């Protein structure tokens, strides 16, 4: 699949997706791009794990992939300098974190202010961190969901772009609830990317205004 086909109607922004694992959100973005539901070109996938299935998904779709293992770099600064070089080479305008298990440095986040999105499996600001599904069940909430937000220096604390909710059932296992949350993620992440690509998002302090 030639990634240049992914340039949607009125497109123009080059998108990079950062992954570490299975890449289900990457696949949702690929599928949306194929169906012309996002006005962006999938120009690059960045992965820190050569064994991640996300790498295979990208290669099958014909998207350029760069695998950068942290152990091969002397410091986070050196790693991120290499990432920036790759992003510049592809003229990336938007970064979508999709299960990327590395915390980006403050300087990297500032460089791409309001141009890095993340998807989180909870209704932020509730249940930040890596155990959001488990925490929601343990707390006993009746509703949880998914959040797309801009990335800031503080983890899981950036301005919220889109959210979607689903019920938490009395007999839910983590696996069952995660499956429902994933469905929400796969819907709203491409929607958020499309809003950015069409210039429909404006960050104003803590708020993201959809024009």
Protein backbone atom coordinates (compact mmCIF):
# COMPACT_ATOMS: atom_id res chain seq x y z
CA UNK A 1 0.00 0.00 0.00
CA UNK A 2 1.48 3.29 -1.05
CA UNK A 3 1.18 5.70 1.91
CA UNK A 4 0.80 8.65 -0.46
CA UNK A 5 -2.73 7.34 -1.12
CA UNK A 6 -3.62 8.31 2.42
CA UNK A 7 -3.71 12.05 1.66
CA UNK A 8 -7.36 12.79 2.35
CA UNK A 9 -9.61 15.38 0.80
CA UNK A 10 -8.11 18.78 1.52
CA UNK A 11 -5.13 17.06 3.14
CA UNK A 12 -1.73 18.50 3.72
CA UNK A 13 -0.46 17.61 7.18
CA UNK A 14 2.09 14.86 7.58
CA UNK A 15 1.37 12.59 10.54
CA UNK A 16 3.77 10.48 12.61
CA UNK A 17 2.47 7.76 14.92
CA UNK A 18 4.58 6.62 17.88
CA UNK A 19 4.02 3.02 19.07
CA UNK A 20 5.50 0.41 21.39
CA UNK A 21 3.16 -2.57 21.23
CA UNK A 22 0.26 -4.12 19.33
CA UNK A 23 -0.63 -0.95 17.47
CA UNK A 24 -4.43 -1.26 17.54
CA UNK A 25 -4.84 2.52 17.51
CA UNK A 26 -2.31 2.71 14.70
CA UNK A 27 -4.49 0.27 12.77
CA UNK A 28 -7.58 2.38 13.44
CA UNK A 29 -5.74 5.41 12.04
CA UNK A 30 -4.57 3.42 9.00
CA UNK A 31 -8.12 2.22 8.35
CA UNK A 32 -9.53 5.74 8.69
CA UNK A 33 -6.91 7.05 6.28
CA UNK A 34 -7.71 4.35 3.72
CA UNK A 35 -11.38 5.35 3.90
CA UNK A 36 -10.44 9.03 3.46
CA UNK A 37 -11.84 9.90 6.88
CA UNK A 38 -8.72 11.84 7.88
CA UNK A 39 -7.13 14.64 5.91
CA UNK A 40 -3.60 13.64 6.73
CA UNK A 41 -0.80 11.59 5.24
CA UNK A 42 0.59 8.77 7.36
CA UNK A 43 4.19 9.70 6.75
CA UNK A 44 6.06 7.86 9.52
CA UNK A 45 5.77 5.33 12.34
CA UNK A 46 8.27 5.60 15.17
CA UNK A 47 8.68 2.56 17.42
CA UNK A 48 10.98 1.77 20.35
CA UNK A 49 10.43 -1.99 20.18
CA UNK A 50 11.52 -4.04 17.14
CA UNK A 51 9.22 -6.90 18.23
CA UNK A 52 6.11 -4.73 18.39
CA UNK A 53 3.31 -5.84 16.09
CA UNK A 54 2.80 -2.17 15.27
CA UNK A 55 5.92 -2.41 13.12
CA UNK A 56 4.33 -5.18 11.05
CA UNK A 57 1.09 -3.21 10.70
CA UNK A 58 2.99 -0.21 9.38
CA UNK A 59 5.06 -2.23 6.95
CA UNK A 60 2.00 -4.01 5.58
CA UNK A 61 0.41 -0.62 4.96
CA UNK A 62 3.52 0.69 3.21
CA UNK A 63 4.23 3.34 5.85
CA UNK A 64 7.90 4.19 6.51
CA UNK A 65 8.98 2.82 9.90
CA UNK A 66 11.91 3.78 12.05
CA UNK A 67 12.73 1.56 15.04
CA UNK A 68 14.83 3.30 17.68
CA UNK A 69 15.65 1.19 20.74
CA UNK A 70 16.66 3.33 23.73
CA UNK A 71 19.41 0.85 24.66
CA UNK A 72 21.25 1.83 21.47
CA UNK A 73 21.58 5.46 22.58
CA UNK A 74 23.76 6.96 25.28
CA UNK A 75 21.00 9.21 26.61
CA UNK A 76 17.37 10.24 26.14
CA UNK A 77 18.65 13.46 24.60
CA UNK A 78 20.54 11.56 21.92
CA UNK A 79 17.50 9.38 21.21
CA UNK A 80 15.16 12.34 20.90
CA UNK A 81 17.63 14.23 18.73
CA UNK A 82 17.49 11.29 16.32
CA UNK A 83 13.68 11.26 16.46
CA UNK A 84 13.55 14.99 15.71
CA UNK A 85 15.83 14.46 12.74
CA UNK A 86 13.47 11.80 11.36
CA UNK A 87 10.43 14.00 11.96
CA UNK A 88 12.08 16.91 10.19
CA UNK A 89 13.01 14.69 7.27
CA UNK A 90 9.36 13.73 6.82
CA UNK A 91 8.09 17.28 7.51
CA UNK A 92 5.85 16.04 10.30
CA UNK A 93 3.19 18.48 11.51
CA UNK A 94 1.37 16.22 14.00
CA UNK A 95 2.50 13.41 16.30
CA UNK A 96 0.01 10.84 17.58
CA UNK A 97 1.14 8.72 20.53
CA UNK A 98 -0.54 5.32 20.22
CA UNK A 99 0.64 3.10 23.04
CA UNK A 100 4.09 4.67 23.10
CA UNK A 101 5.52 3.61 26.45
CA UNK A 102 8.21 6.27 26.76
CA UNK A 103 7.76 9.58 28.56
CA UNK A 104 8.91 12.38 26.29
CA UNK A 105 11.26 15.01 27.70
CA UNK A 106 9.98 18.47 28.56
CA UNK A 107 12.11 19.98 25.82
CA UNK A 108 10.68 17.63 23.21
CA UNK A 109 7.12 18.40 24.30
CA UNK A 110 7.77 22.14 24.17
CA UNK A 111 9.27 21.84 20.68
CA UNK A 112 5.98 20.34 19.44
CA UNK A 113 3.57 22.24 21.68
CA UNK A 114 -0.04 21.50 20.75
CA UNK A 115 1.19 19.18 18.02
CA UNK A 116 1.44 15.96 20.05
CA UNK A 117 -1.74 14.01 20.80
CA UNK A 118 -2.21 11.09 23.15
CA UNK A 119 -5.05 8.62 23.70
CA UNK A 120 -5.76 7.56 27.29
CA UNK A 121 -8.15 4.76 28.41
CA UNK A 122 -10.08 6.82 30.97
CA UNK A 123 -12.05 10.01 31.28
CA UNK A 124 -9.27 12.34 32.32
CA UNK A 125 -8.51 13.84 34.76
CA UNK A 126 -9.68 10.62 36.44
CA UNK A 127 -7.39 7.59 36.50
CA UNK A 128 -4.13 8.90 35.11
CA UNK A 129 -1.21 6.55 34.59
CA UNK A 130 -0.70 3.07 33.22
CA UNK A 131 -3.40 1.19 35.15
CA UNK A 132 -6.44 3.24 34.19
CA UNK A 133 -8.73 0.27 33.45
CA UNK A 134 -7.79 -1.56 36.65
CA UNK A 135 -8.14 1.63 38.68
CA UNK A 136 -11.61 2.38 37.28
CA UNK A 137 -12.88 -1.09 38.21
CA UNK A 138 -11.26 -0.96 41.65
CA UNK A 139 -12.74 2.47 42.39
CA UNK A 140 -16.20 1.28 41.48
CA UNK A 141 -17.13 3.96 38.95
CA UNK A 142 -20.23 3.42 36.82
CA UNK A 143 -18.82 5.14 33.74
CA UNK A 144 -15.35 5.38 32.22
CA UNK A 145 -14.13 5.93 28.68
CA UNK A 146 -11.38 7.34 26.50
CA UNK A 147 -9.72 10.74 26.16
CA UNK A 148 -7.69 12.32 23.38
CA UNK A 149 -5.59 15.20 24.69
CA UNK A 150 -2.65 17.34 23.76
CA UNK A 151 0.55 16.29 25.51
CA UNK A 152 2.15 18.62 28.04
CA UNK A 153 5.11 18.29 30.38
CA UNK A 154 2.86 16.74 33.02
CA UNK A 155 1.81 13.18 32.18
CA UNK A 156 -1.88 12.72 31.25
CA UNK A 157 -2.64 16.34 32.10
CA UNK A 158 -2.84 18.15 28.77
CA UNK A 159 -5.85 20.01 27.35
CA UNK A 160 -8.65 17.62 26.40
CA UNK A 161 -9.64 17.41 22.73
CA UNK A 162 -12.30 14.68 22.65
CA UNK A 163 -13.82 12.21 25.10
CA UNK A 164 -16.23 9.29 24.83
CA UNK A 165 -17.84 7.27 27.61
CA UNK A 166 -18.98 3.71 28.22
CA UNK A 167 -20.58 1.96 31.21
CA UNK A 168 -18.63 -0.12 33.72
CA UNK A 169 -20.61 -3.28 34.41
CA UNK A 170 -20.80 -5.05 37.75
CA UNK A 171 -19.11 -8.20 36.46
CA UNK A 172 -16.52 -6.49 34.25
CA UNK A 173 -13.06 -7.97 33.98
CA UNK A 174 -10.18 -5.72 32.94
CA UNK A 175 -10.12 -7.48 29.55
CA UNK A 176 -13.84 -6.96 28.92
CA UNK A 177 -13.80 -3.30 29.90
CA UNK A 178 -10.62 -2.63 27.93
CA UNK A 179 -12.25 -4.06 24.81
CA UNK A 180 -15.11 -1.55 25.07
CA UNK A 181 -12.75 1.32 25.80
CA UNK A 182 -10.63 0.34 22.79
CA UNK A 183 -13.67 0.65 20.54
CA UNK A 184 -14.10 4.22 21.75
CA UNK A 185 -10.41 4.97 21.24
CA UNK A 186 -10.50 3.67 17.68
CA UNK A 187 -13.39 6.00 16.92
CA UNK A 188 -12.33 9.27 18.55
CA UNK A 189 -8.59 9.21 17.80
CA UNK A 190 -9.06 9.47 14.01
CA UNK A 191 -11.75 12.11 14.64
CA UNK A 192 -9.31 14.21 16.67
CA UNK A 193 -6.62 13.86 14.00
CA UNK A 194 -9.12 14.99 11.35
CA UNK A 195 -10.05 18.05 13.41
CA UNK A 196 -6.38 19.00 13.68
CA UNK A 197 -5.73 18.35 9.99
CA UNK A 198 -8.56 20.65 9.00
CA UNK A 199 -7.47 23.42 11.36
CA UNK A 200 -10.53 22.99 13.56
CA UNK A 201 -8.72 22.91 16.93
CA UNK A 202 -7.64 25.92 18.95
CA UNK A 203 -5.87 25.51 22.30
CA UNK A 204 -6.83 28.23 24.78
CA UNK A 205 -5.25 27.51 28.14
CA UNK A 206 -6.87 24.41 29.62
CA UNK A 207 -9.50 24.30 26.89
CA UNK A 208 -9.39 23.04 23.34
CA UNK A 209 -11.99 24.83 21.26
CA UNK A 210 -13.43 22.92 18.30
CA UNK A 211 -14.16 25.53 15.64
